[in-house]
Amino acid sequence: MPTFTREQIEHLGDLARIALTDEEITRLQGELNVIADSINEVQKVAGDDVKPTANPVPLEAYLRPDVAETPLTQAEALAGGPKTEAGMFVAPRIQE
């Protein structure tokens, strides 16, 4: 069972260039040890008969067929906007 020592936590803080207080080192040591223990528990369950997976539900990429289509004309594209001017959409001014 791997246990993070105080010296290892200080070394990690040095590598990350983070100044850690004594209280933070103590807290991180406990948190990292809980995480390490959780990983060990999962590794006990995951035997050779369990296939590694990143997601328990198989994901597939559903892609539509790549078919060339005629694009919208400028007038058709602008027809969906609330206000247009000189062939462009008009939006309210955000900054003065």
PDB file of N, CA and C in Angstrom:
ATOM      1  N   MET A   1       0.856  -1.183   0.000  1.00  0.00           N
ATOM      2  CA  MET A   1       0.000   0.000   0.000  1.00  0.00           C
ATOM      3  C   MET A   1       0.893   1.234   0.000  1.00  0.00           C
ATOM      4  N   PRO A   2       0.915   1.975  -1.135  1.00  0.00           N
ATOM      5  CA  PRO A   2       1.774   3.158  -1.183  1.00  0.00           C
ATOM      6  C   PRO A   2       1.248   4.262  -0.274  1.00  0.00           C
ATOM      7  N   THR A   3       2.152   4.865   0.446  1.00  0.00           N
ATOM      8  CA  THR A   3       1.796   5.968   1.331  1.00  0.00           C
ATOM      9  C   THR A   3       2.682   7.148   0.983  1.00  0.00           C
ATOM     10  N   PHE A   4       2.056   8.277   0.800  1.00  0.00           N
ATOM     11  CA  PHE A   4       2.816   9.491   0.501  1.00  0.00           C
ATOM     12  C   PHE A   4       3.401  10.037   1.793  1.00  0.00           C
ATOM     13  N   THR A   5       4.689  10.240   1.800  1.00  0.00           N
ATOM     14  CA  THR A   5       5.351  10.794   2.976  1.00  0.00           C
ATOM     15  C   THR A   5       5.325  12.309   2.914  1.00  0.00           C
ATOM     16  N   ARG A   6       5.591  12.908   4.026  1.00  0.00           N
ATOM     17  CA  ARG A   6       5.648  14.371   4.106  1.00  0.00           C
ATOM     18  C   ARG A   6       6.715  14.908   3.145  1.00  0.00           C
ATOM     19  N   GLU A   7       7.844  14.221   3.072  1.00  0.00           N
ATOM     20  CA  GLU A   7       8.931  14.659   2.192  1.00  0.00           C
ATOM     21  C   GLU A   7       8.511  14.592   0.727  1.00  0.00           C
ATOM     22  N   GLN A   8       7.750  13.572   0.358  1.00  0.00           N
ATOM     23  CA  GLN A   8       7.280  13.468  -1.025  1.00  0.00           C
ATOM     24  C   GLN A   8       6.314  14.606  -1.363  1.00  0.00           C
ATOM     25  N   ILE A   9       5.449  14.959  -0.428  1.00  0.00           N
ATOM     26  CA  ILE A   9       4.513  16.063  -0.652  1.00  0.00           C
ATOM     27  C   ILE A   9       5.286  17.372  -0.799  1.00  0.00           C
ATOM     28  N   GLU A  10       6.282  17.590   0.036  1.00  0.00           N
ATOM     29  CA  GLU A  10       7.109  18.799  -0.081  1.00  0.00           C
ATOM     30  C   GLU A  10       7.827  18.825  -1.421  1.00  0.00           C
ATOM     31  N   HIS A  11       8.322  17.659  -1.860  1.00  0.00           N
ATOM     32  CA  HIS A  11       9.013  17.579  -3.149  1.00  0.00           C
ATOM     33  C   HIS A  11       8.053  17.906  -4.295  1.00  0.00           C
ATOM     34  N   LEU A  12       6.833  17.384  -4.232  1.00  0.00           N
ATOM     35  CA  LEU A  12       5.832  17.703  -5.258  1.00  0.00           C
ATOM     36  C   LEU A  12       5.533  19.202  -5.288  1.00  0.00           C
ATOM     37  N   GLY A  13       5.432  19.802  -4.106  1.00  0.00           N
ATOM     38  CA  GLY A  13       5.210  21.248  -4.038  1.00  0.00           C
ATOM     39  C   GLY A  13       6.357  22.013  -4.664  1.00  0.00           C
ATOM     40  N   ASP A  14       7.601  21.564  -4.411  1.00  0.00           N
ATOM     41  CA  ASP A  14       8.768  22.218  -5.017  1.00  0.00           C
ATOM     42  C   ASP A  14       8.742  22.080  -6.531  1.00  0.00           C
ATOM     43  N   LEU A  15       8.423  20.876  -7.014  1.00  0.00           N
ATOM     44  CA  LEU A  15       8.367  20.664  -8.463  1.00  0.00           C
ATOM     45  C   LEU A  15       7.317  21.554  -9.124  1.00  0.00           C
ATOM     46  N   ALA A  16       6.189  21.720  -8.431  1.00  0.00           N
ATOM     47  CA  ALA A  16       5.110  22.550  -8.969  1.00  0.00           C
ATOM     48  C   ALA A  16       5.315  24.025  -8.666  1.00  0.00           C
ATOM     49  N   ARG A  17       6.380  24.327  -7.931  1.00  0.00           N
ATOM     50  CA  ARG A  17       6.683  25.701  -7.530  1.00  0.00           C
ATOM     51  C   ARG A  17       5.523  26.310  -6.744  1.00  0.00           C
ATOM     52  N   ILE A  18       5.015  25.496  -5.799  1.00  0.00           N
ATOM     53  CA  ILE A  18       3.923  25.931  -4.938  1.00  0.00           C
ATOM     54  C   ILE A  18       4.439  25.908  -3.500  1.00  0.00           C
ATOM     55  N   ALA A  19       4.318  27.032  -2.830  1.00  0.00           N
ATOM     56  CA  ALA A  19       4.715  27.096  -1.419  1.00  0.00           C
ATOM     57  C   ALA A  19       3.585  26.507  -0.582  1.00  0.00           C
ATOM     58  N   LEU A  20       3.881  25.418   0.123  1.00  0.00           N
ATOM     59  CA  LEU A  20       2.871  24.751   0.932  1.00  0.00           C
ATOM     60  C   LEU A  20       3.134  24.994   2.416  1.00  0.00           C
ATOM     61  N   THR A  21       2.065  25.308   3.131  1.00  0.00           N
ATOM     62  CA  THR A  21       2.185  25.458   4.581  1.00  0.00           C
ATOM     63  C   THR A  21       2.160  24.065   5.219  1.00  0.00           C
ATOM     64  N   ASP A  22       2.507  23.986   6.506  1.00  0.00           N
ATOM     65  CA  ASP A  22       2.477  22.703   7.212  1.00  0.00           C
ATOM     66  C   ASP A  22       1.072  22.099   7.203  1.00  0.00           C
ATOM     67  N   GLU A  23       0.062  22.950   7.356  1.00  0.00           N
ATOM     68  CA  GLU A  23      -1.315  22.463   7.354  1.00  0.00           C
ATOM     69  C   GLU A  23      -1.688  21.906   5.976  1.00  0.00           C
ATOM     70  N   GLU A  24      -1.260  22.575   4.914  1.00  0.00           N
ATOM     71  CA  GLU A  24      -1.567  22.111   3.563  1.00  0.00           C
ATOM     72  C   GLU A  24      -0.866  20.789   3.264  1.00  0.00           C
ATOM     73  N   ILE A  25       0.373  20.652   3.719  1.00  0.00           N
ATOM     74  CA  ILE A  25       1.112  19.407   3.511  1.00  0.00           C
ATOM     75  C   ILE A  25       0.400  18.258   4.214  1.00  0.00           C
ATOM     76  N   THR A  26      -0.028  18.483   5.436  1.00  0.00           N
ATOM     77  CA  THR A  26      -0.738  17.451   6.198  1.00  0.00           C
ATOM     78  C   THR A  26      -2.044  17.081   5.512  1.00  0.00           C
ATOM     79  N   ARG A  27      -2.795  18.086   5.062  1.00  0.00           N
ATOM     80  CA  ARG A  27      -4.081  17.839   4.387  1.00  0.00           C
ATOM     81  C   ARG A  27      -3.860  17.084   3.084  1.00  0.00           C
ATOM     82  N   LEU A  28      -2.879  17.527   2.267  1.00  0.00           N
ATOM     83  CA  LEU A  28      -2.610  16.868   0.995  1.00  0.00           C
ATOM     84  C   LEU A  28      -2.125  15.438   1.193  1.00  0.00           C
ATOM     85  N   GLN A  29      -1.340  15.225   2.225  1.00  0.00           N
ATOM     86  CA  GLN A  29      -0.851  13.879   2.502  1.00  0.00           C
ATOM     87  C   GLN A  29      -2.031  12.939   2.752  1.00  0.00           C
ATOM     88  N   GLY A  30      -2.976  13.378   3.560  1.00  0.00           N
ATOM     89  CA  GLY A  30      -4.165  12.559   3.815  1.00  0.00           C
ATOM     90  C   GLY A  30      -4.995  12.333   2.567  1.00  0.00           C
ATOM     91  N   GLU A  31      -5.218  13.392   1.785  1.00  0.00           N
ATOM     92  CA  GLU A  31      -6.039  13.284   0.580  1.00  0.00           C
ATOM     93  C   GLU A  31      -5.381  12.362  -0.453  1.00  0.00           C
ATOM     94  N   LEU A  32      -4.077  12.529  -0.668  1.00  0.00           N
ATOM     95  CA  LEU A  32      -3.386  11.689  -1.642  1.00  0.00           C
ATOM     96  C   LEU A  32      -3.344  10.230  -1.208  1.00  0.00           C
ATOM     97  N   ASN A  33      -3.228   9.991   0.077  1.00  0.00           N
ATOM     98  CA  ASN A  33      -3.242   8.615   0.563  1.00  0.00           C
ATOM     99  C   ASN A  33      -4.614   7.969   0.381  1.00  0.00           C
ATOM    100  N   VAL A  34      -5.686   8.741   0.563  1.00  0.00           N
ATOM    101  CA  VAL A  34      -7.034   8.215   0.316  1.00  0.00           C
ATOM    102  C   VAL A  34      -7.188   7.868  -1.161  1.00  0.00           C
ATOM    103  N   ILE A  35      -6.689   8.730  -2.043  1.00  0.00           N
ATOM    104  CA  ILE A  35      -6.768   8.469  -3.488  1.00  0.00           C
ATOM    105  C   ILE A  35      -5.977   7.214  -3.832  1.00  0.00           C
ATOM    106  N   ALA A  36      -4.771   7.083  -3.287  1.00  0.00           N
ATOM    107  CA  ALA A  36      -3.936   5.903  -3.554  1.00  0.00           C
ATOM    108  C   ALA A  36      -4.620   4.639  -3.050  1.00  0.00           C
ATOM    109  N   ASP A  37      -5.250   4.711  -1.882  1.00  0.00           N
ATOM    110  CA  ASP A  37      -5.967   3.549  -1.348  1.00  0.00           C
ATOM    111  C   ASP A  37      -7.141   3.173  -2.253  1.00  0.00           C
ATOM    112  N   SER A  38      -7.841   4.167  -2.776  1.00  0.00           N
ATOM    113  CA  SER A  38      -8.967   3.900  -3.675  1.00  0.00           C
ATOM    114  C   SER A  38      -8.486   3.223  -4.957  1.00  0.00           C
ATOM    115  N   ILE A  39      -7.377   3.675  -5.489  1.00  0.00           N
ATOM    116  CA  ILE A  39      -6.811   3.057  -6.691  1.00  0.00           C
ATOM    117  C   ILE A  39      -6.436   1.608  -6.406  1.00  0.00           C
ATOM    118  N   ASN A  40      -5.853   1.350  -5.247  1.00  0.00           N
ATOM    119  CA  ASN A  40      -5.493  -0.022  -4.876  1.00  0.00           C
ATOM    120  C   ASN A  40      -6.725  -0.918  -4.794  1.00  0.00           C
ATOM    121  N   GLU A  41      -7.832  -0.397  -4.252  1.00  0.00           N
ATOM    122  CA  GLU A  41      -9.059  -1.185  -4.156  1.00  0.00           C
ATOM    123  C   GLU A  41      -9.582  -1.544  -5.543  1.00  0.00           C
ATOM    124  N   VAL A  42      -9.554  -0.600  -6.465  1.00  0.00           N
ATOM    125  CA  VAL A  42     -10.024  -0.858  -7.827  1.00  0.00           C
ATOM    126  C   VAL A  42      -9.119  -1.885  -8.498  1.00  0.00           C
ATOM    127  N   GLN A  43      -7.828  -1.797  -8.275  1.00  0.00           N
ATOM    128  CA  GLN A  43      -6.900  -2.745  -8.883  1.00  0.00           C
ATOM    129  C   GLN A  43      -7.113  -4.152  -8.357  1.00  0.00           C
ATOM    130  N   LYS A  44      -7.569  -4.309  -7.130  1.00  0.00           N
ATOM    131  CA  LYS A  44      -7.855  -5.641  -6.591  1.00  0.00           C
ATOM    132  C   LYS A  44      -9.020  -6.286  -7.344  1.00  0.00           C
ATOM    133  N   VAL A  45     -10.028  -5.483  -7.689  1.00  0.00           N
ATOM    134  CA  VAL A  45     -11.216  -5.993  -8.366  1.00  0.00           C
ATOM    135  C   VAL A  45     -10.930  -6.259  -9.838  1.00  0.00           C
ATOM    136  N   ALA A  46     -10.191  -5.374 -10.459  1.00  0.00           N
ATOM    137  CA  ALA A  46      -9.912  -5.495 -11.890  1.00  0.00           C
ATOM    138  C   ALA A  46      -8.833  -6.546 -12.117  1.00  0.00           C
ATOM    139  N   GLY A  47      -9.266  -7.777 -12.361  1.00  0.00           N
ATOM    140  CA  GLY A  47      -8.330  -8.867 -12.610  1.00  0.00           C
ATOM    141  C   GLY A  47      -8.005  -8.977 -14.087  1.00  0.00           C
ATOM    142  N   ASP A  48      -7.343 -10.067 -14.442  1.00  0.00           N
ATOM    143  CA  ASP A  48      -6.954 -10.284 -15.834  1.00  0.00           C
ATOM    144  C   ASP A  48      -8.155 -10.500 -16.744  1.00  0.00           C
ATOM    145  N   ASP A  49      -9.283 -10.935 -16.169  1.00  0.00           N
ATOM    146  CA  ASP A  49     -10.473 -11.195 -16.987  1.00  0.00           C
ATOM    147  C   ASP A  49     -11.280  -9.927 -17.276  1.00  0.00           C
ATOM    148  N   VAL A  50     -10.896  -8.799 -16.697  1.00  0.00           N
ATOM    149  CA  VAL A  50     -11.603  -7.534 -16.926  1.00  0.00           C
ATOM    150  C   VAL A  50     -10.805  -6.706 -17.923  1.00  0.00           C
ATOM    151  N   LYS A  51     -11.457  -6.392 -19.048  1.00  0.00           N
ATOM    152  CA  LYS A  51     -10.775  -5.609 -20.075  1.00  0.00           C
ATOM    153  C   LYS A  51     -10.690  -4.141 -19.639  1.00  0.00           C
ATOM    154  N   PRO A  52      -9.521  -3.514 -19.866  1.00  0.00           N
ATOM    155  CA  PRO A  52      -9.408  -2.088 -19.522  1.00  0.00           C
ATOM    156  C   PRO A  52     -10.347  -1.256 -20.396  1.00  0.00           C
ATOM    157  N   THR A  53     -10.927  -0.239 -19.786  1.00  0.00           N
ATOM    158  CA  THR A  53     -11.831   0.636 -20.520  1.00  0.00           C
ATOM    159  C   THR A  53     -11.805   2.025 -19.915  1.00  0.00           C
ATOM    160  N   ALA A  54     -11.986   3.017 -20.749  1.00  0.00           N
ATOM    161  CA  ALA A  54     -12.043   4.395 -20.275  1.00  0.00           C
ATOM    162  C   ALA A  54     -13.474   4.781 -19.955  1.00  0.00           C
ATOM    163  N   ASN A  55     -14.433   4.052 -20.550  1.00  0.00           N
ATOM    164  CA  ASN A  55     -15.841   4.361 -20.347  1.00  0.00           C
ATOM    165  C   ASN A  55     -16.597   3.044 -20.311  1.00  0.00           C
ATOM    166  N   PRO A  56     -17.440   2.810 -19.318  1.00  0.00           N
ATOM    167  CA  PRO A  56     -18.153   1.537 -19.245  1.00  0.00           C
ATOM    168  C   PRO A  56     -19.182   1.357 -20.358  1.00  0.00           C
ATOM    169  N   VAL A  57     -19.613   2.446 -20.967  1.00  0.00           N
ATOM    170  CA  VAL A  57     -20.570   2.383 -22.062  1.00  0.00           C
ATOM    171  C   VAL A  57     -19.804   2.584 -23.365  1.00  0.00           C
ATOM    172  N   PRO A  58     -19.883   1.629 -24.307  1.00  0.00           N
ATOM    173  CA  PRO A  58     -19.153   1.813 -25.560  1.00  0.00           C
ATOM    174  C   PRO A  58     -19.652   3.052 -26.304  1.00  0.00           C
ATOM    175  N   LEU A  59     -18.726   3.862 -26.714  1.00  0.00           N
ATOM    176  CA  LEU A  59     -19.076   5.082 -27.441  1.00  0.00           C
ATOM    177  C   LEU A  59     -18.700   4.918 -28.908  1.00  0.00           C
ATOM    178  N   GLU A  60     -19.580   5.339 -29.770  1.00  0.00           N
ATOM    179  CA  GLU A  60     -19.300   5.305 -31.193  1.00  0.00           C
ATOM    180  C   GLU A  60     -19.518   6.703 -31.747  1.00  0.00           C
ATOM    181  N   ALA A  61     -18.727   7.041 -32.729  1.00  0.00           N
ATOM    182  CA  ALA A  61     -18.890   8.331 -33.384  1.00  0.00           C
ATOM    183  C   ALA A  61     -19.925   8.166 -34.497  1.00  0.00           C
ATOM    184  N   TYR A  62     -21.032   8.828 -34.332  1.00  0.00           N
ATOM    185  CA  TYR A  62     -22.062   8.772 -35.352  1.00  0.00           C
ATOM    186  C   TYR A  62     -21.878   9.962 -36.277  1.00  0.00           C
ATOM    187  N   LEU A  63     -21.424   9.680 -37.477  1.00  0.00           N
ATOM    188  CA  LEU A  63     -21.154  10.741 -38.432  1.00  0.00           C
ATOM    189  C   LEU A  63     -22.177  10.685 -39.559  1.00  0.00           C
ATOM    190  N   ARG A  64     -22.605  11.824 -39.979  1.00  0.00           N
ATOM    191  CA  ARG A  64     -23.512  11.866 -41.125  1.00  0.00           C
ATOM    192  C   ARG A  64     -22.682  11.689 -42.383  1.00  0.00           C
ATOM    193  N   PRO A  65     -23.309  11.247 -43.445  1.00  0.00           N
ATOM    194  CA  PRO A  65     -22.557  11.125 -44.703  1.00  0.00           C
ATOM    195  C   PRO A  65     -22.073  12.499 -45.165  1.00  0.00           C
ATOM    196  N   ASP A  66     -20.888  12.548 -45.687  1.00  0.00           N
ATOM    197  CA  ASP A  66     -20.316  13.802 -46.168  1.00  0.00           C
ATOM    198  C   ASP A  66     -20.766  14.020 -47.605  1.00  0.00           C
ATOM    199  N   VAL A  67     -21.876  14.746 -47.744  1.00  0.00           N
ATOM    200  CA  VAL A  67     -22.466  14.982 -49.049  1.00  0.00           C
ATOM    201  C   VAL A  67     -22.438  16.483 -49.315  1.00  0.00           C
ATOM    202  N   ALA A  68     -21.918  16.851 -50.478  1.00  0.00           N
ATOM    203  CA  ALA A  68     -21.872  18.269 -50.848  1.00  0.00           C
ATOM    204  C   ALA A  68     -23.279  18.767 -51.129  1.00  0.00           C
ATOM    205  N   GLU A  69     -23.604  19.928 -50.583  1.00  0.00           N
ATOM    206  CA  GLU A  69     -24.908  20.534 -50.790  1.00  0.00           C
ATOM    207  C   GLU A  69     -24.730  21.978 -51.229  1.00  0.00           C
ATOM    208  N   THR A  70     -25.768  22.524 -51.810  1.00  0.00           N
ATOM    209  CA  THR A  70     -25.735  23.914 -52.238  1.00  0.00           C
ATOM    210  C   THR A  70     -25.854  24.804 -51.003  1.00  0.00           C
ATOM    211  N   PRO A  71     -24.906  25.738 -50.808  1.00  0.00           N
ATOM    212  CA  PRO A  71     -24.972  26.598 -49.627  1.00  0.00           C
ATOM    213  C   PRO A  71     -26.110  27.612 -49.744  1.00  0.00           C
ATOM    214  N   LEU A  72     -26.441  28.211 -48.599  1.00  0.00           N
ATOM    215  CA  LEU A  72     -27.455  29.263 -48.590  1.00  0.00           C
ATOM    216  C   LEU A  72     -26.943  30.492 -49.325  1.00  0.00           C
ATOM    217  N   THR A  73     -27.854  31.203 -49.928  1.00  0.00           N
ATOM    218  CA  THR A  73     -27.486  32.505 -50.501  1.00  0.00           C
ATOM    219  C   THR A  73     -27.390  33.501 -49.359  1.00  0.00           C
ATOM    220  N   GLN A  74     -26.813  34.660 -49.611  1.00  0.00           N
ATOM    221  CA  GLN A  74     -26.691  35.671 -48.563  1.00  0.00           C
ATOM    222  C   GLN A  74     -28.073  36.086 -48.074  1.00  0.00           C
ATOM    223  N   ALA A  75     -29.012  36.243 -48.987  1.00  0.00           N
ATOM    224  CA  ALA A  75     -30.373  36.653 -48.612  1.00  0.00           C
ATOM    225  C   ALA A  75     -31.035  35.585 -47.733  1.00  0.00           C
ATOM    226  N   GLU A  76     -30.826  34.300 -48.068  1.00  0.00           N
ATOM    227  CA  GLU A  76     -31.419  33.229 -47.270  1.00  0.00           C
ATOM    228  C   GLU A  76     -30.806  33.186 -45.872  1.00  0.00           C
ATOM    229  N   ALA A  77     -29.500  33.391 -45.781  1.00  0.00           N
ATOM    230  CA  ALA A  77     -28.831  33.376 -44.478  1.00  0.00           C
ATOM    231  C   ALA A  77     -29.292  34.554 -43.626  1.00  0.00           C
ATOM    232  N   LEU A  78     -29.427  35.728 -44.218  1.00  0.00           N
ATOM    233  CA  LEU A  78     -29.832  36.914 -43.477  1.00  0.00           C
ATOM    234  C   LEU A  78     -31.306  36.888 -43.103  1.00  0.00           C
ATOM    235  N   ALA A  79     -32.091  36.067 -43.777  1.00  0.00           N
ATOM    236  CA  ALA A  79     -33.532  36.007 -43.502  1.00  0.00           C
ATOM    237  C   ALA A  79     -33.808  35.510 -42.083  1.00  0.00           C
ATOM    238  N   GLY A  80     -32.883  34.788 -41.478  1.00  0.00           N
ATOM    239  CA  GLY A  80     -33.089  34.275 -40.132  1.00  0.00           C
ATOM    240  C   GLY A  80     -32.771  35.277 -39.044  1.00  0.00           C
ATOM    241  N   GLY A  81     -32.176  36.403 -39.377  1.00  0.00           N
ATOM    242  CA  GLY A  81     -31.797  37.394 -38.376  1.00  0.00           C
ATOM    243  C   GLY A  81     -32.898  38.397 -38.113  1.00  0.00           C
ATOM    244  N   PRO A  82     -32.924  38.983 -36.892  1.00  0.00           N
ATOM    245  CA  PRO A  82     -33.977  39.946 -36.571  1.00  0.00           C
ATOM    246  C   PRO A  82     -33.806  41.283 -37.299  1.00  0.00           C
ATOM    247  N   LYS A  83     -32.551  41.682 -37.556  1.00  0.00           N
ATOM    248  CA  LYS A  83     -32.324  42.975 -38.191  1.00  0.00           C
ATOM    249  C   LYS A  83     -31.060  42.886 -39.043  1.00  0.00           C
ATOM    250  N   THR A  84     -31.142  43.391 -40.254  1.00  0.00           N
ATOM    251  CA  THR A  84     -29.994  43.382 -41.152  1.00  0.00           C
ATOM    252  C   THR A  84     -29.817  44.756 -41.768  1.00  0.00           C
ATOM    253  N   GLU A  85     -28.589  44.996 -42.221  1.00  0.00           N
ATOM    254  CA  GLU A  85     -28.291  46.279 -42.863  1.00  0.00           C
ATOM    255  C   GLU A  85     -27.058  46.084 -43.747  1.00  0.00           C
ATOM    256  N   ALA A  86     -27.140  46.503 -44.983  1.00  0.00           N
ATOM    257  CA  ALA A  86     -26.035  46.435 -45.932  1.00  0.00           C
ATOM    258  C   ALA A  86     -25.470  45.014 -46.047  1.00  0.00           C
ATOM    259  N   GLY A  87     -26.358  44.012 -46.039  1.00  0.00           N
ATOM    260  CA  GLY A  87     -25.932  42.626 -46.214  1.00  0.00           C
ATOM    261  C   GLY A  87     -25.283  42.013 -44.998  1.00  0.00           C
ATOM    262  N   MET A  88     -25.508  42.604 -43.804  1.00  0.00           N
ATOM    263  CA  MET A  88     -24.924  42.059 -42.570  1.00  0.00           C
ATOM    264  C   MET A  88     -25.979  42.057 -41.470  1.00  0.00           C
ATOM    265  N   PHE A  89     -25.758  41.211 -40.449  1.00  0.00           N
ATOM    266  CA  PHE A  89     -26.620  41.229 -39.270  1.00  0.00           C
ATOM    267  C   PHE A  89     -26.306  42.478 -38.464  1.00  0.00           C
ATOM    268  N   VAL A  90     -27.327  43.057 -37.850  1.00  0.00           N
ATOM    269  CA  VAL A  90     -27.147  44.207 -36.965  1.00  0.00           C
ATOM    270  C   VAL A  90     -27.374  43.724 -35.540  1.00  0.00           C
ATOM    271  N   ALA A  91     -26.378  43.943 -34.694  1.00  0.00           N
ATOM    272  CA  ALA A  91     -26.479  43.544 -33.284  1.00  0.00           C
ATOM    273  C   ALA A  91     -26.439  44.793 -32.423  1.00  0.00           C
ATOM    274  N   PRO A  92     -27.046  44.734 -31.231  1.00  0.00           N
ATOM    275  CA  PRO A  92     -27.001  45.895 -30.356  1.00  0.00           C
ATOM    276  C   PRO A  92     -25.565  46.171 -29.904  1.00  0.00           C
ATOM    277  N   ARG A  93     -25.236  47.433 -29.738  1.00  0.00           N
ATOM    278  CA  ARG A  93     -23.909  47.830 -29.290  1.00  0.00           C
ATOM    279  C   ARG A  93     -23.728  47.430 -27.833  1.00  0.00           C
ATOM    280  N   ILE A  94     -22.589  46.820 -27.546  1.00  0.00           N
ATOM    281  CA  ILE A  94     -22.306  46.368 -26.184  1.00  0.00           C
ATOM    282  C   ILE A  94     -21.542  47.451 -25.425  1.00  0.00           C
ATOM    283  N   GLN A  95     -20.550  48.047 -26.064  1.00  0.00           N
ATOM    284  CA  GLN A  95     -19.772  49.094 -25.423  1.00  0.00           C
ATOM    285  C   GLN A  95     -19.935  50.388 -26.203  1.00  0.00           C
ATOM    286  N   GLU A  96     -19.827  51.456 -25.498  1.00  0.00           N
ATOM    287  CA  GLU A  96     -19.929  52.772 -26.160  1.00  0.00           C
ATOM    288  C   GLU A  96     -18.598  53.172 -26.747  1.00  0.00           C
TER     289      GLU A  96
END
